[in-house]
Amino acid sequence: MRLGLNATAYSDMNVQTIGAAYAGKKDVVFAISHSGSSKAVVDNARLAKSNGATVISLSSMGKSPITEIADI
């Protein structure tokens, strides 16, 4: 809030999908998945990226499906 940025975290997968669908070129999506292979997380990251959002991923695996999608 001090930076003047609007940030929201969604734990519900259905709400994450809605957020990914509305993400655009000015948005950043931070996708967190222990395995990097969680279908819902990967699909939502892919959806957000297809809309122009920057995708950052955090995973315990060095190489995984989410790292193939993520920009960072």
N, C-alpha and C. Protein backbone atom coordinates (compact mmCIF):
# COMPACT_ATOMS: atom_id res chain seq x y z
N MET A 1 0.82 -1.19 0.00
CA MET A 1 0.00 0.00 0.00
C MET A 1 0.87 1.26 0.00
N ARG A 2 1.99 1.20 0.70
CA ARG A 2 2.86 2.38 0.74
C ARG A 2 3.44 2.72 -0.62
N LEU A 3 3.58 1.73 -1.47
CA LEU A 3 4.11 1.95 -2.81
C LEU A 3 3.04 2.43 -3.78
N GLY A 4 1.80 2.36 -3.35
CA GLY A 4 0.70 2.77 -4.22
C GLY A 4 0.35 1.73 -5.26
N LEU A 5 0.70 0.49 -5.00
CA LEU A 5 0.41 -0.60 -5.93
C LEU A 5 -0.79 -1.40 -5.45
N ASN A 6 -1.60 -1.84 -6.38
CA ASN A 6 -2.74 -2.67 -6.05
C ASN A 6 -2.30 -4.13 -6.14
N ALA A 7 -2.26 -4.82 -5.02
CA ALA A 7 -1.84 -6.22 -4.99
C ALA A 7 -2.91 -7.07 -4.31
N THR A 8 -3.20 -8.22 -4.91
CA THR A 8 -4.21 -9.12 -4.37
C THR A 8 -3.70 -10.55 -4.48
N ALA A 9 -3.99 -11.36 -3.47
CA ALA A 9 -3.63 -12.77 -3.49
C ALA A 9 -4.90 -13.60 -3.43
N TYR A 10 -5.00 -14.58 -4.33
CA TYR A 10 -6.17 -15.45 -4.36
C TYR A 10 -5.74 -16.88 -4.04
N SER A 11 -6.37 -17.50 -3.05
CA SER A 11 -6.05 -18.89 -2.73
C SER A 11 -7.03 -19.85 -3.41
N ASP A 12 -8.20 -19.37 -3.78
CA ASP A 12 -9.21 -20.19 -4.44
C ASP A 12 -8.88 -20.30 -5.93
N MET A 13 -8.78 -21.52 -6.44
CA MET A 13 -8.40 -21.74 -7.84
C MET A 13 -9.37 -21.12 -8.84
N ASN A 14 -10.66 -21.14 -8.53
CA ASN A 14 -11.64 -20.54 -9.44
C ASN A 14 -11.47 -19.04 -9.53
N VAL A 15 -11.19 -18.41 -8.40
CA VAL A 15 -10.97 -16.97 -8.38
C VAL A 15 -9.64 -16.63 -9.06
N GLN A 16 -8.65 -17.51 -8.93
CA GLN A 16 -7.38 -17.31 -9.63
C GLN A 16 -7.60 -17.30 -11.14
N THR A 17 -8.45 -18.18 -11.62
CA THR A 17 -8.75 -18.23 -13.05
C THR A 17 -9.40 -16.94 -13.52
N ILE A 18 -10.31 -16.41 -12.73
CA ILE A 18 -10.95 -15.14 -13.07
C ILE A 18 -9.90 -14.02 -13.10
N GLY A 19 -9.04 -13.99 -12.09
CA GLY A 19 -7.97 -12.98 -12.05
C GLY A 19 -7.04 -13.09 -13.24
N ALA A 20 -6.69 -14.32 -13.62
CA ALA A 20 -5.81 -14.53 -14.77
C ALA A 20 -6.47 -14.07 -16.06
N ALA A 21 -7.78 -14.29 -16.15
CA ALA A 21 -8.52 -13.89 -17.34
C ALA A 21 -8.55 -12.37 -17.51
N TYR A 22 -8.51 -11.64 -16.41
CA TYR A 22 -8.54 -10.19 -16.46
C TYR A 22 -7.15 -9.54 -16.41
N ALA A 23 -6.11 -10.33 -16.20
CA ALA A 23 -4.75 -9.79 -16.17
C ALA A 23 -4.37 -9.30 -17.56
N GLY A 24 -3.61 -8.22 -17.59
CA GLY A 24 -3.22 -7.65 -18.88
C GLY A 24 -1.78 -7.19 -18.88
N LYS A 25 -1.43 -6.37 -19.85
CA LYS A 25 -0.05 -5.94 -20.07
C LYS A 25 0.56 -5.17 -18.91
N LYS A 26 -0.25 -4.54 -18.10
CA LYS A 26 0.27 -3.76 -16.97
C LYS A 26 0.31 -4.57 -15.67
N ASP A 27 -0.02 -5.87 -15.76
CA ASP A 27 -0.12 -6.71 -14.56
C ASP A 27 1.03 -7.69 -14.47
N VAL A 28 1.30 -8.10 -13.23
CA VAL A 28 2.27 -9.15 -12.94
C VAL A 28 1.55 -10.25 -12.16
N VAL A 29 1.72 -11.48 -12.61
CA VAL A 29 1.14 -12.63 -11.93
C VAL A 29 2.29 -13.40 -11.29
N PHE A 30 2.18 -13.65 -9.99
CA PHE A 30 3.20 -14.39 -9.24
C PHE A 30 2.63 -15.78 -8.97
N ALA A 31 3.10 -16.77 -9.71
CA ALA A 31 2.58 -18.14 -9.63
C ALA A 31 3.46 -18.97 -8.72
N ILE A 32 2.86 -19.53 -7.67
CA ILE A 32 3.60 -20.35 -6.70
C ILE A 32 3.10 -21.78 -6.77
N SER A 33 4.04 -22.72 -6.98
CA SER A 33 3.70 -24.13 -7.03
C SER A 33 4.89 -24.93 -6.52
N HIS A 34 4.68 -25.78 -5.53
CA HIS A 34 5.78 -26.58 -4.99
C HIS A 34 6.44 -27.41 -6.08
N SER A 35 5.64 -28.12 -6.84
CA SER A 35 6.18 -29.00 -7.88
C SER A 35 6.46 -28.27 -9.19
N GLY A 36 5.79 -27.14 -9.38
CA GLY A 36 5.89 -26.44 -10.66
C GLY A 36 5.03 -27.08 -11.73
N SER A 37 4.23 -28.07 -11.33
CA SER A 37 3.42 -28.83 -12.29
C SER A 37 1.93 -28.81 -11.98
N SER A 38 1.52 -28.08 -10.96
CA SER A 38 0.11 -28.03 -10.59
C SER A 38 -0.71 -27.53 -11.77
N LYS A 39 -1.63 -28.35 -12.25
CA LYS A 39 -2.37 -28.05 -13.46
C LYS A 39 -3.06 -26.69 -13.40
N ALA A 40 -3.76 -26.42 -12.32
CA ALA A 40 -4.50 -25.16 -12.21
C ALA A 40 -3.55 -23.96 -12.22
N VAL A 41 -2.46 -24.05 -11.51
CA VAL A 41 -1.50 -22.94 -11.45
C VAL A 41 -0.87 -22.71 -12.82
N VAL A 42 -0.46 -23.79 -13.47
CA VAL A 42 0.15 -23.70 -14.80
C VAL A 42 -0.86 -23.13 -15.81
N ASP A 43 -2.07 -23.65 -15.79
CA ASP A 43 -3.09 -23.17 -16.73
C ASP A 43 -3.40 -21.69 -16.51
N ASN A 44 -3.49 -21.27 -15.26
CA ASN A 44 -3.78 -19.86 -14.97
C ASN A 44 -2.61 -18.96 -15.35
N ALA A 45 -1.40 -19.42 -15.14
CA ALA A 45 -0.24 -18.64 -15.56
C ALA A 45 -0.21 -18.50 -17.08
N ARG A 46 -0.53 -19.57 -17.76
CA ARG A 46 -0.57 -19.55 -19.23
C ARG A 46 -1.65 -18.58 -19.73
N LEU A 47 -2.81 -18.59 -19.07
CA LEU A 47 -3.90 -17.70 -19.43
C LEU A 47 -3.50 -16.24 -19.24
N ALA A 48 -2.91 -15.93 -18.10
CA ALA A 48 -2.48 -14.56 -17.82
C ALA A 48 -1.43 -14.11 -18.83
N LYS A 49 -0.49 -14.98 -19.13
CA LYS A 49 0.57 -14.64 -20.09
C LYS A 49 -0.02 -14.39 -21.47
N SER A 50 -1.01 -15.19 -21.87
CA SER A 50 -1.63 -15.01 -23.18
C SER A 50 -2.35 -13.67 -23.28
N ASN A 51 -2.70 -13.09 -22.13
CA ASN A 51 -3.35 -11.78 -22.09
C ASN A 51 -2.32 -10.66 -21.99
N GLY A 52 -1.03 -10.99 -21.96
CA GLY A 52 0.02 -9.99 -21.93
C GLY A 52 0.64 -9.72 -20.58
N ALA A 53 0.19 -10.40 -19.52
CA ALA A 53 0.74 -10.18 -18.19
C ALA A 53 2.15 -10.77 -18.09
N THR A 54 2.96 -10.18 -17.25
CA THR A 54 4.27 -10.74 -16.92
C THR A 54 4.04 -11.81 -15.86
N VAL A 55 4.67 -12.97 -16.03
CA VAL A 55 4.50 -14.08 -15.08
C VAL A 55 5.82 -14.35 -14.38
N ILE A 56 5.77 -14.33 -13.05
CA ILE A 56 6.90 -14.69 -12.20
C ILE A 56 6.52 -15.98 -11.50
N SER A 57 7.43 -16.97 -11.49
CA SER A 57 7.10 -18.23 -10.83
C SER A 57 8.06 -18.52 -9.68
N LEU A 58 7.54 -19.25 -8.69
CA LEU A 58 8.32 -19.73 -7.56
C LEU A 58 8.00 -21.21 -7.40
N SER A 59 9.03 -22.04 -7.47
CA SER A 59 8.85 -23.49 -7.38
C SER A 59 10.08 -24.11 -6.75
N SER A 60 9.93 -25.29 -6.19
CA SER A 60 11.09 -25.98 -5.63
C SER A 60 11.87 -26.74 -6.70
N MET A 61 11.31 -26.82 -7.89
CA MET A 61 11.96 -27.53 -9.00
C MET A 61 12.62 -26.53 -9.93
N GLY A 62 13.81 -26.85 -10.39
CA GLY A 62 14.53 -25.96 -11.30
C GLY A 62 13.91 -25.93 -12.68
N LYS A 63 13.46 -27.06 -13.16
CA LYS A 63 12.86 -27.17 -14.49
C LYS A 63 11.50 -27.83 -14.33
N SER A 64 10.45 -27.12 -14.77
CA SER A 64 9.10 -27.64 -14.63
C SER A 64 8.20 -26.91 -15.62
N PRO A 65 6.96 -27.36 -15.77
CA PRO A 65 6.06 -26.67 -16.71
C PRO A 65 5.88 -25.18 -16.42
N ILE A 66 5.86 -24.80 -15.15
CA ILE A 66 5.66 -23.39 -14.83
C ILE A 66 6.86 -22.56 -15.25
N THR A 67 8.07 -23.12 -15.20
CA THR A 67 9.25 -22.35 -15.61
C THR A 67 9.29 -22.14 -17.12
N GLU A 68 8.60 -23.00 -17.86
CA GLU A 68 8.53 -22.83 -19.32
C GLU A 68 7.63 -21.66 -19.69
N ILE A 69 6.69 -21.33 -18.83
CA ILE A 69 5.73 -20.26 -19.08
C ILE A 69 6.25 -18.93 -18.53
N ALA A 70 6.88 -18.98 -17.36
CA ALA A 70 7.24 -17.77 -16.64
C ALA A 70 8.28 -16.93 -17.37
N ASP A 71 8.14 -15.62 -17.19
CA ASP A 71 9.14 -14.68 -17.71
C ASP A 71 10.32 -14.59 -16.74
N ILE A 72 10.02 -14.73 -15.46
CA ILE A 72 11.04 -14.64 -14.40
C ILE A 72 10.87 -15.82 -13.47
